[in-house]
Amino acid sequence: MNAGGDDLNADVDDLSAGGDDLSAGGYDLNAGGGDLSAGGDDLNADGYDLNTGGDDLNAGADDVKADDCIHADGDYLKASGDDLNAGGDDLSAGGYDLCSDGYELSGGGDDLNSNRCGKNARVYIFKI
């Protein structure tokens, strides 16, 4: 049993050695921190690339101004506006149709008046 106890002590020593390995792992993490700092410098370099990208975007804006196709699309939109105005005329024509219907109602009123004269009928006019 005592011999077994010695074996247990040996296992504890192995665990202690494992603890040392963990400490060494800690140093590796610190070294990794240094790598992260270097990565920070890389990010700054990427920042310059983003500025260059900004210049590219400005150049793209110039390309948009030079793009006749977009202006042509604007003309198409104006042409569509003309179509809408034509639609407005159609609506106005519809308004005239309503006015002529009003005359027909007035004509019907005359018929009612003539009927009233013959039959002494009452005429009720409802406004809609």
C-alpha atoms as a PDB file:
ATOM      1  CA  MET A   1       0.000   0.000   0.000  1.00  0.00           C
ATOM      2  CA  ASN A   2       2.905   2.275   0.786  1.00  0.00           C
ATOM      3  CA  ALA A   3       4.390   1.453  -2.557  1.00  0.00           C
ATOM      4  CA  GLY A   4       1.089   2.425  -4.056  1.00  0.00           C
ATOM      5  CA  GLY A   5       1.271   5.662  -2.141  1.00  0.00           C
ATOM      6  CA  ASP A   6       4.636   6.382  -3.730  1.00  0.00           C
ATOM      7  CA  ASP A   7       3.061   5.833  -7.101  1.00  0.00           C
ATOM      8  CA  LEU A   8       0.395   8.362  -6.172  1.00  0.00           C
ATOM      9  CA  ASN A   9       3.092  10.834  -5.210  1.00  0.00           C
ATOM     10  CA  ALA A  10       4.724  10.285  -8.542  1.00  0.00           C
ATOM     11  CA  ASP A  11       1.399  11.065 -10.195  1.00  0.00           C
ATOM     12  CA  VAL A  12       1.182  14.292  -8.237  1.00  0.00           C
ATOM     13  CA  ASP A  13       4.622  15.236  -9.519  1.00  0.00           C
ATOM     14  CA  ASP A  14       3.386  14.596 -13.026  1.00  0.00           C
ATOM     15  CA  LEU A  15       0.444  16.898 -12.328  1.00  0.00           C
ATOM     16  CA  SER A  16       2.838  19.568 -11.116  1.00  0.00           C
ATOM     17  CA  ALA A  17       4.787  19.195 -14.295  1.00  0.00           C
ATOM     18  CA  GLY A  18       1.506  19.653 -16.108  1.00  0.00           C
ATOM     19  CA  GLY A  19       1.081  22.887 -14.206  1.00  0.00           C
ATOM     20  CA  ASP A  20       4.429  24.051 -15.544  1.00  0.00           C
ATOM     21  CA  ASP A  21       3.248  23.264 -19.039  1.00  0.00           C
ATOM     22  CA  LEU A  22       0.229  25.460 -18.444  1.00  0.00           C
ATOM     23  CA  SER A  23       2.517  28.284 -17.379  1.00  0.00           C
ATOM     24  CA  ALA A  24       4.496  27.838 -20.547  1.00  0.00           C
ATOM     25  CA  GLY A  25       1.202  28.020 -22.384  1.00  0.00           C
ATOM     26  CA  GLY A  26       0.637  31.359 -20.691  1.00  0.00           C
ATOM     27  CA  TYR A  27       3.846  32.658 -22.199  1.00  0.00           C
ATOM     28  CA  ASP A  28       2.689  31.524 -25.585  1.00  0.00           C
ATOM     29  CA  LEU A  29      -0.452  33.593 -25.093  1.00  0.00           C
ATOM     30  CA  ASN A  30       1.663  36.635 -24.309  1.00  0.00           C
ATOM     31  CA  ALA A  31       3.624  36.045 -27.450  1.00  0.00           C
ATOM     32  CA  GLY A  32       0.295  35.851 -29.202  1.00  0.00           C
ATOM     33  CA  GLY A  33      -0.456  39.286 -27.783  1.00  0.00           C
ATOM     34  CA  GLY A  34       2.600  40.548 -29.571  1.00  0.00           C
ATOM     35  CA  ASP A  35       1.293  39.068 -32.771  1.00  0.00           C
ATOM     36  CA  LEU A  36      -1.975  40.889 -32.219  1.00  0.00           C
ATOM     37  CA  SER A  37      -0.081  44.159 -31.953  1.00  0.00           C
ATOM     38  CA  ALA A  38       1.560  43.405 -35.249  1.00  0.00           C
ATOM     39  CA  GLY A  39      -1.889  42.693 -36.572  1.00  0.00           C
ATOM     40  CA  GLY A  40      -2.871  46.165 -35.407  1.00  0.00           C
ATOM     41  CA  ASP A  41      -0.217  47.602 -37.706  1.00  0.00           C
ATOM     42  CA  ASP A  42      -1.673  45.572 -40.522  1.00  0.00           C
ATOM     43  CA  LEU A  43      -5.053  47.110 -39.764  1.00  0.00           C
ATOM     44  CA  ASN A  44      -3.546  50.569 -40.137  1.00  0.00           C
ATOM     45  CA  ALA A  45      -2.189  49.539 -43.491  1.00  0.00           C
ATOM     46  CA  ASP A  46      -5.682  48.345 -44.370  1.00  0.00           C
ATOM     47  CA  GLY A  47      -6.944  51.755 -43.331  1.00  0.00           C
ATOM     48  CA  TYR A  48      -4.832  53.280 -46.074  1.00  0.00           C
ATOM     49  CA  ASP A  49      -6.310  50.811 -48.484  1.00  0.00           C
ATOM     50  CA  LEU A  50      -9.758  52.003 -47.417  1.00  0.00           C
ATOM     51  CA  ASN A  51      -8.733  55.578 -48.175  1.00  0.00           C
ATOM     52  CA  THR A  52      -7.660  54.448 -51.601  1.00  0.00           C
ATOM     53  CA  GLY A  53     -11.034  52.791 -51.875  1.00  0.00           C
ATOM     54  CA  GLY A  54     -12.581  56.156 -51.073  1.00  0.00           C
ATOM     55  CA  ASP A  55     -10.739  57.644 -54.031  1.00  0.00           C
ATOM     56  CA  ASP A  56     -12.100  54.866 -56.181  1.00  0.00           C
ATOM     57  CA  LEU A  57     -15.597  55.740 -55.000  1.00  0.00           C
ATOM     58  CA  ASN A  58     -15.047  59.357 -55.988  1.00  0.00           C
ATOM     59  CA  ALA A  59     -13.890  58.223 -59.390  1.00  0.00           C
ATOM     60  CA  GLY A  60     -17.012  56.114 -59.548  1.00  0.00           C
ATOM     61  CA  ALA A  61     -19.068  59.239 -58.861  1.00  0.00           C
ATOM     62  CA  ASP A  62     -17.411  60.885 -61.866  1.00  0.00           C
ATOM     63  CA  ASP A  63     -18.279  57.846 -63.929  1.00  0.00           C
ATOM     64  CA  VAL A  64     -21.908  58.209 -62.898  1.00  0.00           C
ATOM     65  CA  LYS A  65     -21.965  61.823 -64.100  1.00  0.00           C
ATOM     66  CA  ALA A  66     -20.385  60.780 -67.382  1.00  0.00           C
ATOM     67  CA  ASP A  67     -22.882  57.967 -67.814  1.00  0.00           C
ATOM     68  CA  ASP A  68     -25.332  59.043 -70.535  1.00  0.00           C
ATOM     69  CA  CYS A  69     -27.446  55.979 -69.921  1.00  0.00           C
ATOM     70  CA  ILE A  70     -28.606  57.365 -66.593  1.00  0.00           C
ATOM     71  CA  HIS A  71     -29.631  60.646 -68.235  1.00  0.00           C
ATOM     72  CA  ALA A  72     -31.380  58.653 -70.927  1.00  0.00           C
ATOM     73  CA  ASP A  73     -33.288  56.871 -68.199  1.00  0.00           C
ATOM     74  CA  GLY A  74     -34.250  60.293 -66.888  1.00  0.00           C
ATOM     75  CA  ASP A  75     -35.721  61.086 -70.308  1.00  0.00           C
ATOM     76  CA  TYR A  76     -37.669  57.870 -70.153  1.00  0.00           C
ATOM     77  CA  LEU A  77     -39.060  58.980 -66.813  1.00  0.00           C
ATOM     78  CA  LYS A  78     -40.050  62.315 -68.330  1.00  0.00           C
ATOM     79  CA  ALA A  79     -41.705  60.465 -71.188  1.00  0.00           C
ATOM     80  CA  SER A  80     -43.602  58.498 -68.590  1.00  0.00           C
ATOM     81  CA  GLY A  81     -44.593  61.826 -67.069  1.00  0.00           C
ATOM     82  CA  ASP A  82     -46.066  62.843 -70.440  1.00  0.00           C
ATOM     83  CA  ASP A  83     -48.012  59.629 -70.479  1.00  0.00           C
ATOM     84  CA  LEU A  84     -49.372  60.522 -67.055  1.00  0.00           C
ATOM     85  CA  ASN A  85     -50.384  63.952 -68.342  1.00  0.00           C
ATOM     86  CA  ALA A  86     -52.201  62.269 -71.214  1.00  0.00           C
ATOM     87  CA  GLY A  87     -53.940  60.197 -68.585  1.00  0.00           C
ATOM     88  CA  GLY A  88     -54.919  63.463 -66.933  1.00  0.00           C
ATOM     89  CA  ASP A  89     -56.559  64.555 -70.195  1.00  0.00           C
ATOM     90  CA  ASP A  90     -58.486  61.320 -70.268  1.00  0.00           C
ATOM     91  CA  LEU A  91     -59.747  62.074 -66.778  1.00  0.00           C
ATOM     92  CA  SER A  92     -60.824  65.536 -67.914  1.00  0.00           C
ATOM     93  CA  ALA A  93     -62.731  63.973 -70.794  1.00  0.00           C
ATOM     94  CA  GLY A  94     -64.388  61.752 -68.240  1.00  0.00           C
ATOM     95  CA  GLY A  95     -65.388  64.922 -66.415  1.00  0.00           C
ATOM     96  CA  TYR A  96     -67.167  66.158 -69.526  1.00  0.00           C
ATOM     97  CA  ASP A  97     -69.041  62.897 -69.716  1.00  0.00           C
ATOM     98  CA  LEU A  98     -70.268  63.531 -66.188  1.00  0.00           C
ATOM     99  CA  CYS A  99     -71.411  67.004 -67.205  1.00  0.00           C
ATOM    100  CA  SER A 100     -73.348  65.602 -70.151  1.00  0.00           C
ATOM    101  CA  ASP A 101     -74.950  63.126 -67.758  1.00  0.00           C
ATOM    102  CA  GLY A 102     -75.973  66.149 -65.725  1.00  0.00           C
ATOM    103  CA  TYR A 103     -77.738  67.588 -68.774  1.00  0.00           C
ATOM    104  CA  GLU A 104     -79.540  64.322 -69.256  1.00  0.00           C
ATOM    105  CA  LEU A 105     -80.750  64.572 -65.672  1.00  0.00           C
ATOM    106  CA  SER A 106     -81.913  68.111 -66.379  1.00  0.00           C
ATOM    107  CA  GLY A 107     -83.703  66.867 -69.459  1.00  0.00           C
ATOM    108  CA  GLY A 108     -85.355  64.252 -67.311  1.00  0.00           C
ATOM    109  CA  GLY A 109     -86.425  67.040 -65.024  1.00  0.00           C
ATOM    110  CA  ASP A 110     -88.191  68.703 -67.949  1.00  0.00           C
ATOM    111  CA  ASP A 111     -89.993  65.444 -68.637  1.00  0.00           C
ATOM    112  CA  LEU A 112     -91.077  65.332 -65.013  1.00  0.00           C
ATOM    113  CA  ASN A 113     -92.287  68.906 -65.236  1.00  0.00           C
ATOM    114  CA  SER A 114     -94.339  68.109 -68.302  1.00  0.00           C
ATOM    115  CA  ASN A 115     -95.778  65.095 -66.553  1.00  0.00           C
ATOM    116  CA  ARG A 116     -96.533  67.237 -63.532  1.00  0.00           C
ATOM    117  CA  CYS A 117     -98.513  69.641 -65.649  1.00  0.00           C
ATOM    118  CA  GLY A 118    -100.621  66.831 -67.042  1.00  0.00           C
ATOM    119  CA  LYS A 119    -101.184  64.857 -63.866  1.00  0.00           C
ATOM    120  CA  ASN A 120    -100.539  67.406 -61.119  1.00  0.00           C
ATOM    121  CA  ALA A 121     -97.851  65.034 -59.818  1.00  0.00           C
ATOM    122  CA  ARG A 122     -95.339  66.062 -57.177  1.00  0.00           C
ATOM    123  CA  VAL A 123     -91.692  66.167 -58.188  1.00  0.00           C
ATOM    124  CA  TYR A 124     -88.955  65.534 -55.627  1.00  0.00           C
ATOM    125  CA  ILE A 125     -85.419  66.556 -56.581  1.00  0.00           C
ATOM    126  CA  PHE A 126     -82.619  64.894 -54.654  1.00  0.00           C
ATOM    127  CA  LYS A 127     -79.096  66.281 -54.823  1.00  0.00           C
ATOM    128  CA  ILE A 128     -76.346  63.711 -54.817  1.00  0.00           C
END
